[in-house]
Protein backbone atom coordinates (compact mmCIF):
# COMPACT_ATOMS: atom_id res chain seq x y z
CA MET A 1 112.10 91.78 73.72
CA LEU A 2 107.61 92.65 74.05
CA SER A 3 107.79 91.23 77.31
CA ARG A 4 110.70 93.43 78.86
CA GLY A 5 108.79 96.32 76.62
CA LEU A 6 105.55 95.42 78.46
CA SER A 7 107.40 94.91 81.84
CA VAL A 8 108.75 98.49 81.38
CA LEU A 9 105.36 99.78 80.94
CA ARG A 10 103.75 98.40 84.06
CA CYS A 11 106.30 99.86 86.25
CA PHE A 12 104.28 102.64 86.66
CA ARG A 13 101.48 102.32 89.42
CA PRO A 14 98.50 104.67 90.61
CA GLY A 15 99.33 107.72 91.59
CA GLU A 16 102.69 108.01 89.73
CA PRO A 17 102.73 109.98 86.88
CA GLU A 18 106.37 110.00 86.30
CA LEU A 19 109.35 107.91 86.96
CA GLN A 20 113.12 107.90 86.62
CA LEU A 21 115.07 105.39 84.48
CA SER A 22 116.85 103.84 87.11
CA GLU A 23 113.34 103.16 89.07
CA ILE A 24 112.06 101.67 85.75
CA ALA A 25 115.39 99.37 85.44
CA ARG A 26 114.84 98.25 89.41
CA ARG A 27 111.01 97.49 89.26
CA ALA A 28 111.74 95.64 85.93
CA ASP A 29 114.75 93.98 86.80
CA MET A 30 116.88 94.73 84.38
CA PRO A 31 120.55 96.47 83.76
CA LYS A 32 119.95 100.04 83.34
CA ALA A 33 121.54 100.22 79.70
CA THR A 34 118.65 97.43 78.80
CA ALA A 35 115.66 99.97 80.21
CA HIS A 36 117.27 102.62 78.63
CA ARG A 37 117.39 101.15 74.73
CA ILE A 38 114.06 99.90 75.68
CA ILE A 39 112.82 103.23 76.59
CA ALA A 40 114.00 104.78 73.61
CA GLU A 41 111.80 102.68 71.31
CA LEU A 42 108.92 102.93 72.93
CA VAL A 43 109.17 106.94 73.29
CA ASP A 44 109.94 106.55 69.59
CA GLU A 45 106.52 104.86 69.29
CA GLY A 46 104.66 107.11 71.78
CA MET A 47 103.96 104.25 74.30
CA LEU A 48 106.38 106.93 76.76
CA GLU A 49 107.00 110.37 76.90
CA ARG A 50 109.38 112.12 78.68
CA GLY A 51 108.35 114.70 81.39
CA GLU A 52 110.17 117.26 83.27
CA ARG A 53 111.52 114.14 86.18
CA GLY A 54 111.29 111.31 84.41
CA LEU A 55 109.36 109.33 81.87
CA ARG A 56 105.39 109.04 81.88
CA LEU A 57 102.71 106.86 79.80
CA GLY A 58 102.53 108.07 76.51
CA VAL A 59 99.38 109.71 74.31
CA ALA A 60 99.42 106.53 71.87
CA LEU A 61 99.11 103.92 74.80
CA PHE A 62 96.09 105.96 75.71
CA ALA A 63 94.71 106.02 72.52
CA LEU A 64 95.18 102.30 72.32
CA GLY A 65 93.59 101.60 75.18
CA THR A 66 90.41 103.83 74.39
CA ARG A 67 89.80 101.05 71.81
CA VAL A 68 89.23 98.11 74.40
CA PRO A 69 85.55 96.86 73.33
CA ARG A 70 85.33 96.04 77.10
CA GLN A 71 85.86 99.48 78.54
CA LEU A 72 83.62 100.74 75.94
CA LYS A 73 80.75 99.15 76.74
CA LEU A 74 81.67 99.70 80.45
CA ARG A 75 81.66 102.96 79.97
CA ARG A 76 78.24 103.39 78.12
CA LEU A 77 76.71 101.25 80.66
CA ALA A 78 78.04 103.21 83.64
CA LEU A 79 78.66 106.87 82.28
CA PRO A 80 75.04 107.59 83.14
CA PHE A 81 75.17 106.53 86.46
CA ALA A 82 78.10 108.14 87.25
CA GLU A 83 76.28 111.44 85.87
CA GLN A 84 73.94 111.21 88.02
CA LEU A 85 76.07 110.46 91.43
CA HIS A 86 77.79 113.60 90.60
CA ARG A 87 75.06 115.72 90.29
CA VAL A 88 73.45 114.01 93.94
CA THR A 89 76.58 114.07 96.17
CA ARG A 90 78.44 117.04 94.44
CA GLY A 91 81.57 114.91 94.56
CA ASN A 92 84.11 113.48 91.57
CA VAL A 93 82.59 110.23 90.31
CA PHE A 94 85.27 107.60 88.88
CA VAL A 95 84.75 104.55 87.11
CA PHE A 96 87.35 101.60 87.14
CA ILE A 97 87.95 98.42 85.75
CA SER A 98 90.73 95.77 86.87
CA ASP A 99 94.03 95.93 85.04
CA ALA A 100 94.58 93.14 83.37
CA SER A 101 98.24 92.59 85.18
CA GLY A 102 96.74 92.23 88.77
CA PRO A 103 94.33 93.87 90.76
CA ASP A 104 94.64 97.70 90.42
CA ALA A 105 92.57 100.19 89.07
CA ALA A 106 92.51 101.47 85.84
CA LEU A 107 90.35 104.32 84.77
CA VAL A 108 87.47 104.24 82.09
CA ASP A 109 86.11 107.72 82.73
CA ALA A 110 85.62 110.58 85.20
CA VAL A 111 82.63 113.17 85.90
CA ARG A 112 84.44 115.71 87.70
CA ARG A 113 83.36 118.98 89.34
CA VAL A 114 84.84 122.16 88.12
CA HIS A 115 87.89 123.01 90.15
CA GLY A 116 88.75 127.13 90.39
CA GLY A 117 92.22 128.21 90.10
CA GLY A 118 94.88 126.88 92.29
CA ALA A 119 92.52 123.86 93.02
CA GLU A 120 94.93 120.86 91.68
CA HIS A 121 96.60 119.65 94.14
CA GLY A 122 93.46 118.89 95.69
CA ALA A 123 91.69 117.15 92.72
CA GLU A 124 94.98 115.14 92.14
CA ASP A 125 94.51 114.27 95.70
CA GLU A 126 90.91 113.24 95.10
CA ALA A 127 91.82 111.26 92.69
CA ARG A 128 95.05 109.39 94.09
CA ALA A 129 92.22 108.81 96.86
CA SER A 130 89.74 106.98 94.40
CA VAL A 131 92.22 104.93 92.67
CA LEU A 132 93.02 103.82 96.37
CA ALA A 133 89.71 102.51 97.41
CA ALA A 134 88.86 100.80 94.09
CA THR A 135 91.85 99.01 94.18
CA ARG A 136 90.89 97.68 97.39
CA ILE A 137 87.52 96.92 95.84
CA PHE A 138 89.18 94.63 93.28
CA HIS A 139 91.20 92.98 96.10
CA ALA A 140 88.41 92.01 98.14
CA PHE A 141 86.43 91.10 95.54
CA ALA A 142 88.33 89.14 92.86
CA PRO A 143 87.64 86.05 91.41
CA GLY A 144 88.26 83.02 94.43
CA ALA A 145 88.29 85.62 96.78
CA PRO A 146 86.66 84.16 100.39
CA PRO A 147 83.00 84.92 100.77
CA ALA A 148 81.99 88.19 103.26
CA GLY A 149 82.97 87.77 106.47
CA PRO A 150 85.79 87.89 109.34
CA LEU A 151 88.79 86.06 108.20
CA PRO A 152 92.10 85.07 110.13
CA GLY A 153 95.43 86.31 108.65
CA GLY A 154 97.26 89.30 108.25
CA PRO A 155 96.19 92.61 108.00
CA ALA A 156 95.51 92.39 104.15
CA ALA A 157 93.06 89.71 104.41
CA ARG A 158 91.16 91.24 107.34
CA GLU A 159 90.77 94.61 105.42
CA ALA A 160 89.58 92.43 102.01
CA GLY A 161 87.38 90.69 104.18
CA ARG A 162 85.62 93.82 106.39
CA VAL A 163 85.58 95.55 102.67
CA ARG A 164 83.48 92.44 101.42
CA ASP A 165 81.32 92.30 104.59
CA GLN A 166 80.21 95.87 104.22
CA GLY A 167 80.28 96.36 100.48
CA PHE A 168 82.21 99.32 99.59
CA ALA A 169 85.74 100.87 100.63
CA ALA A 170 86.74 103.96 102.24
CA VAL A 171 89.95 105.83 102.16
CA ARG A 172 90.87 109.49 103.82
CA SER A 173 94.02 110.89 102.39
CA THR A 174 96.12 112.96 104.90
CA ALA A 175 95.58 116.18 102.68
CA GLY A 176 91.90 115.84 103.56
CA ALA A 177 90.24 113.90 100.78
CA VAL A 178 87.79 111.17 100.90
CA GLY A 179 87.69 108.43 98.34
CA ILE A 180 84.54 105.78 98.51
CA ALA A 181 83.91 102.89 96.06
CA ALA A 182 81.83 100.20 95.36
CA PRO A 183 82.06 96.83 93.18
CA VAL A 184 80.04 96.07 89.93
CA LEU A 185 79.20 92.85 90.05
CA THR A 186 78.99 89.76 88.00
CA ALA A 187 76.46 86.63 88.68
CA SER A 188 79.49 85.12 90.41
CA SER A 189 79.96 88.35 93.25
CA THR A 190 83.23 89.03 91.96
CA ALA A 191 83.97 92.67 90.60
CA ALA A 192 83.47 93.59 86.81
CA ALA A 193 84.31 97.31 87.73
CA ALA A 194 84.11 99.81 91.05
CA LEU A 195 82.99 103.28 90.81
CA ALA A 196 84.12 105.70 93.26
CA VAL A 197 83.32 109.13 94.71
CA THR A 198 85.19 111.71 96.34
CA GLY A 199 85.58 115.09 97.99
CA PRO A 200 87.31 117.11 100.53
CA GLN A 201 86.65 115.63 104.07
CA GLY A 202 83.33 117.31 105.55
CA ARG A 203 81.71 118.74 102.44
CA LEU A 204 81.10 115.09 101.00
CA GLN A 205 78.72 113.67 103.35
CA ALA A 206 79.93 109.97 103.57
CA VAL A 207 76.76 107.77 104.74
CA GLU A 208 74.63 109.56 101.99
CA ALA A 209 77.01 109.32 99.70
CA VAL A 210 77.55 105.18 100.23
CA SER A 211 73.86 105.05 100.05
CA HIS A 212 73.81 106.64 96.28
CA LEU A 213 77.09 104.72 95.62
CA ARG A 214 75.98 101.02 96.59
CA ALA A 215 72.53 101.89 94.28
CA ALA A 216 74.06 103.28 91.34
CA CYS A 217 76.60 100.30 91.63
CA ALA A 218 73.71 97.77 91.97
CA ALA A 219 71.69 99.29 88.79
CA VAL A 220 75.14 98.84 86.35
CA SER A 221 75.55 95.55 88.07
CA ARG A 222 72.20 94.46 86.87
CA ALA A 223 72.93 96.17 83.16
CA LEU A 224 76.42 94.07 83.12
CA GLN A 225 75.29 90.86 84.13
CA ARG A 226 72.87 90.83 80.99
CA SER A 227 76.01 91.30 79.05
CA PRO A 228 77.95 87.96 79.32
CA ASP A 229 80.94 89.25 77.88
CA MET A 230 81.76 91.87 80.40
CA ALA A 231 82.71 89.48 83.18
CA PRO A 232 86.28 89.97 84.38
CA VAL A 233 89.34 88.45 82.29
CA PRO A 234 90.73 85.44 84.74
């Protein structure tokens, strides 16, 4: 039952705040009746909540995540650099670690601009761009990934090689948001974390932002390498 409950929670992907019961059942590969029963228990425990268009992750799950020691230590080390990045780039800045279930990005903290009324959609679009850019970093700098340089293979392998070679990933959304992420590296050159900076296309100075971002990541990397307990979970 525990593994089935976890499979339901893992159905939620970055940029998908709510899911319908039928989609959860499909992704978790279980009958709708089983998914309905497990979801009801998760709702009772506060791990899931019922939203306007489906189910969403609950506050109790968030509260549990905030107690993770690795996340707390990373936040303490990285947040001053994230705040400095926010000041020099005037963009939104995000701190990510990799999801334990795979190389997807899990948000630790953010330093955001103050958006005026009606700007919620732009803020959400920038947040999605940051997740996509950070996820590319975790795929490219995962444990066991090949060294930097061009690689044969399909588009995903070539993209990972390009990201490793240039040291950052950039994403431009159809709505005009730009997200740029860079790795916080361990001594073995795997990504323990990632920082991302985002902004509207035309407002974020990408070349300057990359320079500041990579300098911040290098500084956090040095701090993390003095903390061996912050190595990525294999």
